[in-house]
mmCIF file of all heavy atoms, coordinates in Angstrom:
data_MODEL
# 
_entry.id   MODEL 
# 
loop_
_atom_site.group_PDB 
_atom_site.id 
_atom_site.type_symbol 
_atom_site.label_atom_id 
_atom_site.label_alt_id 
_atom_site.label_comp_id 
_atom_site.label_asym_id 
_atom_site.label_entity_id 
_atom_site.label_seq_id 
_atom_site.pdbx_PDB_ins_code 
_atom_site.Cartn_x 
_atom_site.Cartn_y 
_atom_site.Cartn_z 
_atom_site.occupancy 
_atom_site.B_iso_or_equiv 
_atom_site.pdbx_formal_charge 
_atom_site.auth_seq_id 
_atom_site.auth_comp_id 
_atom_site.auth_asym_id 
_atom_site.auth_atom_id 
_atom_site.pdbx_PDB_model_num 
ATOM 1   N N   . SER A 1 1  ? 0.846  -1.189 0.000   1.00 0.00 ? 1  SER A N   1 
ATOM 2   C CA  . SER A 1 1  ? 0.000  0.000  0.000   1.00 0.00 ? 1  SER A CA  1 
ATOM 3   C C   . SER A 1 1  ? 0.881  1.237  0.000   1.00 0.00 ? 1  SER A C   1 
ATOM 4   O O   . SER A 1 1  ? 1.987  1.222  0.553   1.00 0.00 ? 1  SER A O   1 
ATOM 5   C CB  . SER A 1 1  ? -0.914 0.033  1.226   1.00 0.00 ? 1  SER A CB  1 
ATOM 6   O OG  . SER A 1 1  ? -1.762 -1.079 1.268   1.00 0.00 ? 1  SER A OG  1 
ATOM 7   N N   . CYS A 1 2  ? 0.384  2.297  -0.581  1.00 0.00 ? 2  CYS A N   1 
ATOM 8   C CA  . CYS A 1 2  ? 1.106  3.569  -0.593  1.00 0.00 ? 2  CYS A CA  1 
ATOM 9   C C   . CYS A 1 2  ? 0.083  4.686  -0.484  1.00 0.00 ? 2  CYS A C   1 
ATOM 10  O O   . CYS A 1 2  ? -0.737 4.883  -1.386  1.00 0.00 ? 2  CYS A O   1 
ATOM 11  C CB  . CYS A 1 2  ? 1.917  3.711  -1.869  1.00 0.00 ? 2  CYS A CB  1 
ATOM 12  S SG  . CYS A 1 2  ? 2.738  5.302  -2.041  1.00 0.00 ? 2  CYS A SG  1 
ATOM 13  N N   . ALA A 1 3  ? 0.140  5.418  0.621   1.00 0.00 ? 3  ALA A N   1 
ATOM 14  C CA  . ALA A 1 3  ? -0.800 6.505  0.869   1.00 0.00 ? 3  ALA A CA  1 
ATOM 15  C C   . ALA A 1 3  ? -0.112 7.847  0.666   1.00 0.00 ? 3  ALA A C   1 
ATOM 16  O O   . ALA A 1 3  ? 0.978  8.080  1.207   1.00 0.00 ? 3  ALA A O   1 
ATOM 17  C CB  . ALA A 1 3  ? -1.350 6.411  2.284   1.00 0.00 ? 3  ALA A CB  1 
ATOM 18  N N   . ALA A 1 4  ? -0.741 8.707  -0.103  1.00 0.00 ? 4  ALA A N   1 
ATOM 19  C CA  . ALA A 1 4  ? -0.211 10.035 -0.378  1.00 0.00 ? 4  ALA A CA  1 
ATOM 20  C C   . ALA A 1 4  ? -0.930 11.069 0.467   1.00 0.00 ? 4  ALA A C   1 
ATOM 21  O O   . ALA A 1 4  ? -2.145 10.995 0.666   1.00 0.00 ? 4  ALA A O   1 
ATOM 22  C CB  . ALA A 1 4  ? -0.358 10.372 -1.862  1.00 0.00 ? 4  ALA A CB  1 
ATOM 23  N N   . SER A 1 5  ? -0.184 12.041 0.957   1.00 0.00 ? 5  SER A N   1 
ATOM 24  C CA  . SER A 1 5  ? -0.773 13.134 1.715   1.00 0.00 ? 5  SER A CA  1 
ATOM 25  C C   . SER A 1 5  ? -0.149 14.446 1.254   1.00 0.00 ? 5  SER A C   1 
ATOM 26  O O   . SER A 1 5  ? 0.921  14.467 0.668   1.00 0.00 ? 5  SER A O   1 
ATOM 27  C CB  . SER A 1 5  ? -0.557 12.939 3.215   1.00 0.00 ? 5  SER A CB  1 
ATOM 28  O OG  . SER A 1 5  ? 0.826  12.916 3.521   1.00 0.00 ? 5  SER A OG  1 
ATOM 29  N N   . GLY A 1 6  ? -0.821 15.538 1.560   1.00 0.00 ? 6  GLY A N   1 
ATOM 30  C CA  . GLY A 1 6  ? -0.372 16.836 1.103   1.00 0.00 ? 6  GLY A CA  1 
ATOM 31  C C   . GLY A 1 6  ? -1.332 17.373 0.066   1.00 0.00 ? 6  GLY A C   1 
ATOM 32  O O   . GLY A 1 6  ? -2.442 16.861 -0.111  1.00 0.00 ? 6  GLY A O   1 
ATOM 33  N N   . ILE A 1 7  ? -0.911 18.399 -0.625  1.00 0.00 ? 7  ILE A N   1 
ATOM 34  C CA  . ILE A 1 7  ? -1.757 19.017 -1.647  1.00 0.00 ? 7  ILE A CA  1 
ATOM 35  C C   . ILE A 1 7  ? -1.527 18.277 -2.964  1.00 0.00 ? 7  ILE A C   1 
ATOM 36  O O   . ILE A 1 7  ? -0.422 18.294 -3.497  1.00 0.00 ? 7  ILE A O   1 
ATOM 37  C CB  . ILE A 1 7  ? -1.441 20.511 -1.799  1.00 0.00 ? 7  ILE A CB  1 
ATOM 38  C CG1 . ILE A 1 7  ? -1.694 21.228 -0.466  1.00 0.00 ? 7  ILE A CG1 1 
ATOM 39  C CG2 . ILE A 1 7  ? -2.274 21.119 -2.909  1.00 0.00 ? 7  ILE A CG2 1 
ATOM 40  C CD1 . ILE A 1 7  ? -1.278 22.676 -0.475  1.00 0.00 ? 7  ILE A CD1 1 
ATOM 41  N N   . ILE A 1 8  ? -2.574 17.629 -3.437  1.00 0.00 ? 8  ILE A N   1 
ATOM 42  C CA  . ILE A 1 8  ? -2.466 16.817 -4.640  1.00 0.00 ? 8  ILE A CA  1 
ATOM 43  C C   . ILE A 1 8  ? -3.513 17.279 -5.633  1.00 0.00 ? 8  ILE A C   1 
ATOM 44  O O   . ILE A 1 8  ? -4.700 17.260 -5.338  1.00 0.00 ? 8  ILE A O   1 
ATOM 45  C CB  . ILE A 1 8  ? -2.677 15.324 -4.322  1.00 0.00 ? 8  ILE A CB  1 
ATOM 46  C CG1 . ILE A 1 8  ? -1.680 14.864 -3.256  1.00 0.00 ? 8  ILE A CG1 1 
ATOM 47  C CG2 . ILE A 1 8  ? -2.523 14.482 -5.585  1.00 0.00 ? 8  ILE A CG2 1 
ATOM 48  C CD1 . ILE A 1 8  ? -1.964 13.484 -2.713  1.00 0.00 ? 8  ILE A CD1 1 
ATOM 49  N N   . PHE A 1 9  ? -3.067 17.681 -6.792  1.00 0.00 ? 9  PHE A N   1 
ATOM 50  C CA  . PHE A 1 9  ? -3.983 18.117 -7.832  1.00 0.00 ? 9  PHE A CA  1 
ATOM 51  C C   . PHE A 1 9  ? -4.188 16.995 -8.833  1.00 0.00 ? 9  PHE A C   1 
ATOM 52  O O   . PHE A 1 9  ? -3.247 16.349 -9.281  1.00 0.00 ? 9  PHE A O   1 
ATOM 53  C CB  . PHE A 1 9  ? -3.451 19.366 -8.533  1.00 0.00 ? 9  PHE A CB  1 
ATOM 54  C CG  . PHE A 1 9  ? -3.398 20.575 -7.645  1.00 0.00 ? 9  PHE A CG  1 
ATOM 55  C CD1 . PHE A 1 9  ? -2.216 20.971 -7.056  1.00 0.00 ? 9  PHE A CD1 1 
ATOM 56  C CD2 . PHE A 1 9  ? -4.549 21.307 -7.392  1.00 0.00 ? 9  PHE A CD2 1 
ATOM 57  C CE1 . PHE A 1 9  ? -2.161 22.082 -6.229  1.00 0.00 ? 9  PHE A CE1 1 
ATOM 58  C CE2 . PHE A 1 9  ? -4.508 22.418 -6.564  1.00 0.00 ? 9  PHE A CE2 1 
ATOM 59  C CZ  . PHE A 1 9  ? -3.317 22.806 -5.982  1.00 0.00 ? 9  PHE A CZ  1 
ATOM 60  N N   . SER A 1 10 ? -5.429 16.772 -9.170  1.00 0.00 ? 10 SER A N   1 
ATOM 61  C CA  . SER A 1 10 ? -5.768 15.767 -10.159 1.00 0.00 ? 10 SER A CA  1 
ATOM 62  C C   . SER A 1 10 ? -5.706 16.380 -11.548 1.00 0.00 ? 10 SER A C   1 
ATOM 63  O O   . SER A 1 10 ? -5.842 17.601 -11.698 1.00 0.00 ? 10 SER A O   1 
ATOM 64  C CB  . SER A 1 10 ? -7.178 15.244 -9.886  1.00 0.00 ? 10 SER A CB  1 
ATOM 65  O OG  . SER A 1 10 ? -7.233 14.616 -8.638  1.00 0.00 ? 10 SER A OG  1 
ATOM 66  N N   . PRO A 1 11 ? -5.543 15.548 -12.583 1.00 0.00 ? 11 PRO A N   1 
ATOM 67  C CA  . PRO A 1 11 ? -5.341 14.108 -12.457 1.00 0.00 ? 11 PRO A CA  1 
ATOM 68  C C   . PRO A 1 11 ? -3.909 13.785 -12.060 1.00 0.00 ? 11 PRO A C   1 
ATOM 69  O O   . PRO A 1 11 ? -3.007 14.596 -12.239 1.00 0.00 ? 11 PRO A O   1 
ATOM 70  C CB  . PRO A 1 11 ? -5.634 13.615 -13.873 1.00 0.00 ? 11 PRO A CB  1 
ATOM 71  C CG  . PRO A 1 11 ? -5.220 14.759 -14.744 1.00 0.00 ? 11 PRO A CG  1 
ATOM 72  C CD  . PRO A 1 11 ? -5.550 16.003 -13.966 1.00 0.00 ? 11 PRO A CD  1 
ATOM 73  N N   . TYR A 1 12 ? -3.703 12.654 -11.477 1.00 0.00 ? 12 TYR A N   1 
ATOM 74  C CA  . TYR A 1 12 ? -2.350 12.276 -11.136 1.00 0.00 ? 12 TYR A CA  1 
ATOM 75  C C   . TYR A 1 12 ? -2.131 10.797 -11.407 1.00 0.00 ? 12 TYR A C   1 
ATOM 76  O O   . TYR A 1 12 ? -3.049 9.999  -11.404 1.00 0.00 ? 12 TYR A O   1 
ATOM 77  C CB  . TYR A 1 12 ? -2.043 12.584 -9.666  1.00 0.00 ? 12 TYR A CB  1 
ATOM 78  C CG  . TYR A 1 12 ? -2.984 11.966 -8.662  1.00 0.00 ? 12 TYR A CG  1 
ATOM 79  C CD1 . TYR A 1 12 ? -2.748 10.689 -8.160  1.00 0.00 ? 12 TYR A CD1 1 
ATOM 80  C CD2 . TYR A 1 12 ? -4.090 12.665 -8.188  1.00 0.00 ? 12 TYR A CD2 1 
ATOM 81  C CE1 . TYR A 1 12 ? -3.602 10.121 -7.223  1.00 0.00 ? 12 TYR A CE1 1 
ATOM 82  C CE2 . TYR A 1 12 ? -4.946 12.104 -7.261  1.00 0.00 ? 12 TYR A CE2 1 
ATOM 83  C CZ  . TYR A 1 12 ? -4.688 10.838 -6.776  1.00 0.00 ? 12 TYR A CZ  1 
ATOM 84  O OH  . TYR A 1 12 ? -5.536 10.285 -5.853  1.00 0.00 ? 12 TYR A OH  1 
ATOM 85  N N   . VAL A 1 13 ? -0.905 10.482 -11.632 1.00 0.00 ? 13 VAL A N   1 
ATOM 86  C CA  . VAL A 1 13 ? -0.481 9.107  -11.869 1.00 0.00 ? 13 VAL A CA  1 
ATOM 87  C C   . VAL A 1 13 ? 0.227  8.615  -10.614 1.00 0.00 ? 13 VAL A C   1 
ATOM 88  O O   . VAL A 1 13 ? 1.024  9.336  -10.010 1.00 0.00 ? 13 VAL A O   1 
ATOM 89  C CB  . VAL A 1 13 ? 0.467  9.008  -13.080 1.00 0.00 ? 13 VAL A CB  1 
ATOM 90  C CG1 . VAL A 1 13 ? 0.991  7.588  -13.245 1.00 0.00 ? 13 VAL A CG1 1 
ATOM 91  C CG2 . VAL A 1 13 ? -0.246 9.479  -14.347 1.00 0.00 ? 13 VAL A CG2 1 
ATOM 92  N N   . MET A 1 14 ? -0.082 7.405  -10.209 1.00 0.00 ? 14 MET A N   1 
ATOM 93  C CA  . MET A 1 14 ? 0.642  6.748  -9.124  1.00 0.00 ? 14 MET A CA  1 
ATOM 94  C C   . MET A 1 14 ? 1.127  5.410  -9.625  1.00 0.00 ? 14 MET A C   1 
ATOM 95  O O   . MET A 1 14 ? 0.522  4.808  -10.525 1.00 0.00 ? 14 MET A O   1 
ATOM 96  C CB  . MET A 1 14 ? -0.235 6.556  -7.885  1.00 0.00 ? 14 MET A CB  1 
ATOM 97  C CG  . MET A 1 14 ? -0.637 7.862  -7.221  1.00 0.00 ? 14 MET A CG  1 
ATOM 98  S SD  . MET A 1 14 ? -1.514 7.608  -5.656  1.00 0.00 ? 14 MET A SD  1 
ATOM 99  C CE  . MET A 1 14 ? -0.141 7.188  -4.556  1.00 0.00 ? 14 MET A CE  1 
ATOM 100 N N   . GLY A 1 15 ? 2.194  4.950  -9.050  1.00 0.00 ? 15 GLY A N   1 
ATOM 101 C CA  . GLY A 1 15 ? 2.704  3.656  -9.496  1.00 0.00 ? 15 GLY A CA  1 
ATOM 102 C C   . GLY A 1 15 ? 3.828  3.157  -8.624  1.00 0.00 ? 15 GLY A C   1 
ATOM 103 O O   . GLY A 1 15 ? 4.114  3.710  -7.555  1.00 0.00 ? 15 GLY A O   1 
ATOM 104 N N   . TRP A 1 16 ? 4.456  2.110  -9.117  1.00 0.00 ? 16 TRP A N   1 
ATOM 105 C CA  . TRP A 1 16 ? 5.514  1.423  -8.378  1.00 0.00 ? 16 TRP A CA  1 
ATOM 106 C C   . TRP A 1 16 ? 6.704  1.127  -9.277  1.00 0.00 ? 16 TRP A C   1 
ATOM 107 O O   . TRP A 1 16 ? 6.545  0.725  -10.435 1.00 0.00 ? 16 TRP A O   1 
ATOM 108 C CB  . TRP A 1 16 ? 4.984  0.092  -7.821  1.00 0.00 ? 16 TRP A CB  1 
ATOM 109 C CG  . TRP A 1 16 ? 3.873  0.222  -6.854  1.00 0.00 ? 16 TRP A CG  1 
ATOM 110 C CD1 . TRP A 1 16 ? 2.538  0.280  -7.127  1.00 0.00 ? 16 TRP A CD1 1 
ATOM 111 C CD2 . TRP A 1 16 ? 3.987  0.305  -5.430  1.00 0.00 ? 16 TRP A CD2 1 
ATOM 112 N NE1 . TRP A 1 16 ? 1.816  0.398  -5.971  1.00 0.00 ? 16 TRP A NE1 1 
ATOM 113 C CE2 . TRP A 1 16 ? 2.679  0.410  -4.912  1.00 0.00 ? 16 TRP A CE2 1 
ATOM 114 C CE3 . TRP A 1 16 ? 5.058  0.290  -4.539  1.00 0.00 ? 16 TRP A CE3 1 
ATOM 115 C CZ2 . TRP A 1 16 ? 2.422  0.502  -3.541  1.00 0.00 ? 16 TRP A CZ2 1 
ATOM 116 C CZ3 . TRP A 1 16 ? 4.807  0.383  -3.185  1.00 0.00 ? 16 TRP A CZ3 1 
ATOM 117 C CH2 . TRP A 1 16 ? 3.512  0.491  -2.692  1.00 0.00 ? 16 TRP A CH2 1 
ATOM 118 N N   . TYR A 1 17 ? 7.882  1.304  -8.731  1.00 0.00 ? 17 TYR A N   1 
ATOM 119 C CA  . TYR A 1 17 ? 9.119  0.829  -9.304  1.00 0.00 ? 17 TYR A CA  1 
ATOM 120 C C   . TYR A 1 17 ? 9.745  -0.108 -8.269  1.00 0.00 ? 17 TYR A C   1 
ATOM 121 O O   . TYR A 1 17 ? 9.345  -0.135 -7.107  1.00 0.00 ? 17 TYR A O   1 
ATOM 122 C CB  . TYR A 1 17 ? 10.087 1.983  -9.581  1.00 0.00 ? 17 TYR A CB  1 
ATOM 123 C CG  . TYR A 1 17 ? 9.867  2.685  -10.898 1.00 0.00 ? 17 TYR A CG  1 
ATOM 124 C CD1 . TYR A 1 17 ? 8.785  3.553  -11.067 1.00 0.00 ? 17 TYR A CD1 1 
ATOM 125 C CD2 . TYR A 1 17 ? 10.740 2.503  -11.968 1.00 0.00 ? 17 TYR A CD2 1 
ATOM 126 C CE1 . TYR A 1 17 ? 8.585  4.207  -12.274 1.00 0.00 ? 17 TYR A CE1 1 
ATOM 127 C CE2 . TYR A 1 17 ? 10.543 3.161  -13.181 1.00 0.00 ? 17 TYR A CE2 1 
ATOM 128 C CZ  . TYR A 1 17 ? 9.468  4.014  -13.316 1.00 0.00 ? 17 TYR A CZ  1 
ATOM 129 O OH  . TYR A 1 17 ? 9.273  4.666  -14.507 1.00 0.00 ? 17 TYR A OH  1 
ATOM 130 N N   . ARG A 1 18 ? 10.744 -0.832 -8.687  1.00 0.00 ? 18 ARG A N   1 
ATOM 131 C CA  . ARG A 1 18 ? 11.510 -1.643 -7.755  1.00 0.00 ? 18 ARG A CA  1 
ATOM 132 C C   . ARG A 1 18 ? 12.981 -1.614 -8.136  1.00 0.00 ? 18 ARG A C   1 
ATOM 133 O O   . ARG A 1 18 ? 13.334 -1.363 -9.284  1.00 0.00 ? 18 ARG A O   1 
ATOM 134 C CB  . ARG A 1 18 ? 10.988 -3.086 -7.716  1.00 0.00 ? 18 ARG A CB  1 
ATOM 135 C CG  . ARG A 1 18 ? 11.235 -3.875 -8.986  1.00 0.00 ? 18 ARG A CG  1 
ATOM 136 C CD  . ARG A 1 18 ? 10.567 -5.238 -8.892  1.00 0.00 ? 18 ARG A CD  1 
ATOM 137 N NE  . ARG A 1 18 ? 10.816 -6.060 -10.080 1.00 0.00 ? 18 ARG A NE  1 
ATOM 138 C CZ  . ARG A 1 18 ? 10.266 -7.245 -10.304 1.00 0.00 ? 18 ARG A CZ  1 
ATOM 139 N NH1 . ARG A 1 18 ? 9.415  -7.761 -9.423  1.00 0.00 ? 18 ARG A NH1 1 
ATOM 140 N NH2 . ARG A 1 18 ? 10.557 -7.908 -11.400 1.00 0.00 ? 18 ARG A NH2 1 
ATOM 141 N N   . GLN A 1 19 ? 13.815 -1.887 -7.144  1.00 0.00 ? 19 GLN A N   1 
ATOM 142 C CA  . GLN A 1 19 ? 15.253 -1.926 -7.379  1.00 0.00 ? 19 GLN A CA  1 
ATOM 143 C C   . GLN A 1 19 ? 15.860 -3.055 -6.573  1.00 0.00 ? 19 GLN A C   1 
ATOM 144 O O   . GLN A 1 19 ? 15.765 -3.073 -5.339  1.00 0.00 ? 19 GLN A O   1 
ATOM 145 C CB  . GLN A 1 19 ? 15.912 -0.593 -7.019  1.00 0.00 ? 19 GLN A CB  1 
ATOM 146 C CG  . GLN A 1 19 ? 17.363 -0.521 -7.440  1.00 0.00 ? 19 GLN A CG  1 
ATOM 147 C CD  . GLN A 1 19 ? 17.909 0.891  -7.410  1.00 0.00 ? 19 GLN A CD  1 
ATOM 148 O OE1 . GLN A 1 19 ? 17.362 1.780  -6.761  1.00 0.00 ? 19 GLN A OE1 1 
ATOM 149 N NE2 . GLN A 1 19 ? 18.984 1.118  -8.150  1.00 0.00 ? 19 GLN A NE2 1 
ATOM 150 N N   . ALA A 1 20 ? 16.474 -3.990 -7.290  1.00 0.00 ? 20 ALA A N   1 
ATOM 151 C CA  . ALA A 1 20 ? 17.170 -5.105 -6.660  1.00 0.00 ? 20 ALA A CA  1 
ATOM 152 C C   . ALA A 1 20 ? 18.636 -4.727 -6.515  1.00 0.00 ? 20 ALA A C   1 
ATOM 153 O O   . ALA A 1 20 ? 19.147 -3.877 -7.252  1.00 0.00 ? 20 ALA A O   1 
ATOM 154 C CB  . ALA A 1 20 ? 17.011 -6.364 -7.498  1.00 0.00 ? 20 ALA A CB  1 
ATOM 155 N N   . PRO A 1 21 ? 19.338 -5.368 -5.584  1.00 0.00 ? 21 PRO A N   1 
ATOM 156 C CA  . PRO A 1 21 ? 20.761 -5.050 -5.384  1.00 0.00 ? 21 PRO A CA  1 
ATOM 157 C C   . PRO A 1 21 ? 21.560 -5.203 -6.669  1.00 0.00 ? 21 PRO A C   1 
ATOM 158 O O   . PRO A 1 21 ? 21.455 -6.221 -7.361  1.00 0.00 ? 21 PRO A O   1 
ATOM 159 C CB  . PRO A 1 21 ? 21.194 -6.074 -4.338  1.00 0.00 ? 21 PRO A CB  1 
ATOM 160 C CG  . PRO A 1 21 ? 19.955 -6.398 -3.601  1.00 0.00 ? 21 PRO A CG  1 
ATOM 161 C CD  . PRO A 1 21 ? 18.855 -6.350 -4.623  1.00 0.00 ? 21 PRO A CD  1 
ATOM 162 N N   . GLY A 1 22 ? 22.332 -4.178 -7.010  1.00 0.00 ? 22 GLY A N   1 
ATOM 163 C CA  . GLY A 1 22 ? 23.169 -4.231 -8.189  1.00 0.00 ? 22 GLY A CA  1 
ATOM 164 C C   . GLY A 1 22 ? 22.453 -4.031 -9.496  1.00 0.00 ? 22 GLY A C   1 
ATOM 165 O O   . GLY A 1 22 ? 23.067 -4.164 -10.565 1.00 0.00 ? 22 GLY A O   1 
ATOM 166 N N   . LYS A 1 23 ? 21.165 -3.733 -9.450  1.00 0.00 ? 23 LYS A N   1 
ATOM 167 C CA  . LYS A 1 23 ? 20.386 -3.549 -10.673 1.00 0.00 ? 23 LYS A CA  1 
ATOM 168 C C   . LYS A 1 23 ? 19.774 -2.159 -10.723 1.00 0.00 ? 23 LYS A C   1 
ATOM 169 O O   . LYS A 1 23 ? 19.642 -1.480 -9.702  1.00 0.00 ? 23 LYS A O   1 
ATOM 170 C CB  . LYS A 1 23 ? 19.287 -4.602 -10.774 1.00 0.00 ? 23 LYS A CB  1 
ATOM 171 C CG  . LYS A 1 23 ? 19.803 -6.022 -10.911 1.00 0.00 ? 23 LYS A CG  1 
ATOM 172 C CD  . LYS A 1 23 ? 18.673 -6.999 -11.169 1.00 0.00 ? 23 LYS A CD  1 
ATOM 173 C CE  . LYS A 1 23 ? 19.195 -8.406 -11.388 1.00 0.00 ? 23 LYS A CE  1 
ATOM 174 N NZ  . LYS A 1 23 ? 18.080 -9.357 -11.667 1.00 0.00 ? 23 LYS A NZ  1 
ATOM 175 N N   . GLN A 1 24 ? 19.389 -1.764 -11.935 1.00 0.00 ? 24 GLN A N   1 
ATOM 176 C CA  . GLN A 1 24 ? 18.732 -0.476 -12.094 1.00 0.00 ? 24 GLN A CA  1 
ATOM 177 C C   . GLN A 1 24 ? 17.285 -0.551 -11.618 1.00 0.00 ? 24 GLN A C   1 
ATOM 178 O O   . GLN A 1 24 ? 16.670 -1.620 -11.593 1.00 0.00 ? 24 GLN A O   1 
ATOM 179 C CB  . GLN A 1 24 ? 18.765 -0.055 -13.569 1.00 0.00 ? 24 GLN A CB  1 
ATOM 180 C CG  . GLN A 1 24 ? 20.146 0.327  -14.076 1.00 0.00 ? 24 GLN A CG  1 
ATOM 181 C CD  . GLN A 1 24 ? 20.105 0.893  -15.486 1.00 0.00 ? 24 GLN A CD  1 
ATOM 182 O OE1 . GLN A 1 24 ? 19.251 0.525  -16.280 1.00 0.00 ? 24 GLN A OE1 1 
ATOM 183 N NE2 . GLN A 1 24 ? 21.013 1.802  -15.780 1.00 0.00 ? 24 GLN A NE2 1 
ATOM 184 N N   . ARG A 1 25 ? 16.761 0.605  -11.256 1.00 0.00 ? 25 ARG A N   1 
ATOM 185 C CA  . ARG A 1 25 ? 15.357 0.666  -10.873 1.00 0.00 ? 25 ARG A CA  1 
ATOM 186 C C   . ARG A 1 25 ? 14.504 0.359  -12.105 1.00 0.00 ? 25 ARG A C   1 
ATOM 187 O O   . ARG A 1 25 ? 14.760 0.873  -13.186 1.00 0.00 ? 25 ARG A O   1 
ATOM 188 C CB  . ARG A 1 25 ? 15.028 2.060  -10.332 1.00 0.00 ? 25 ARG A CB  1 
ATOM 189 C CG  . ARG A 1 25 ? 13.670 2.175  -9.678  1.00 0.00 ? 25 ARG A CG  1 
ATOM 190 C CD  . ARG A 1 25 ? 13.503 3.517  -8.981  1.00 0.00 ? 25 ARG A CD  1 
ATOM 191 N NE  . ARG A 1 25 ? 14.374 3.631  -7.817  1.00 0.00 ? 25 ARG A NE  1 
ATOM 192 C CZ  . ARG A 1 25 ? 14.242 4.592  -6.893  1.00 0.00 ? 25 ARG A CZ  1 
ATOM 193 N NH1 . ARG A 1 25 ? 13.294 5.503  -7.029  1.00 0.00 ? 25 ARG A NH1 1 
ATOM 194 N NH2 . ARG A 1 25 ? 15.067 4.649  -5.869  1.00 0.00 ? 25 ARG A NH2 1 
ATOM 195 N N   . GLU A 1 26 ? 13.499 -0.484 -11.936 1.00 0.00 ? 26 GLU A N   1 
ATOM 196 C CA  . GLU A 1 26 ? 12.656 -0.867 -13.060 1.00 0.00 ? 26 GLU A CA  1 
ATOM 197 C C   . GLU A 1 26 ? 11.188 -0.631 -12.748 1.00 0.00 ? 26 GLU A C   1 
ATOM 198 O O   . GLU A 1 26 ? 10.744 -0.720 -11.590 1.00 0.00 ? 26 GLU A O   1 
ATOM 199 C CB  . GLU A 1 26 ? 12.866 -2.337 -13.446 1.00 0.00 ? 26 GLU A CB  1 
ATOM 200 C CG  . GLU A 1 26 ? 12.415 -3.344 -12.413 1.00 0.00 ? 26 GLU A CG  1 
ATOM 201 C CD  . GLU A 1 26 ? 12.374 -4.776 -12.950 1.00 0.00 ? 26 GLU A CD  1 
ATOM 202 O OE1 . GLU A 1 26 ? 12.205 -4.967 -14.177 1.00 0.00 ? 26 GLU A OE1 1 
ATOM 203 O OE2 . GLU A 1 26 ? 12.476 -5.698 -12.123 1.00 0.00 ? 26 GLU A OE2 1 
# 
C-alpha cells in the first residue's frame, strides 16, 4: 500500500518501481 498526503492536484499518476541489489530501478 502507498498513501499520499499533502496538496495533490488531479489528475495524477501513481505507481511502483523496484530496485534489486546491483540492478537499475525498473
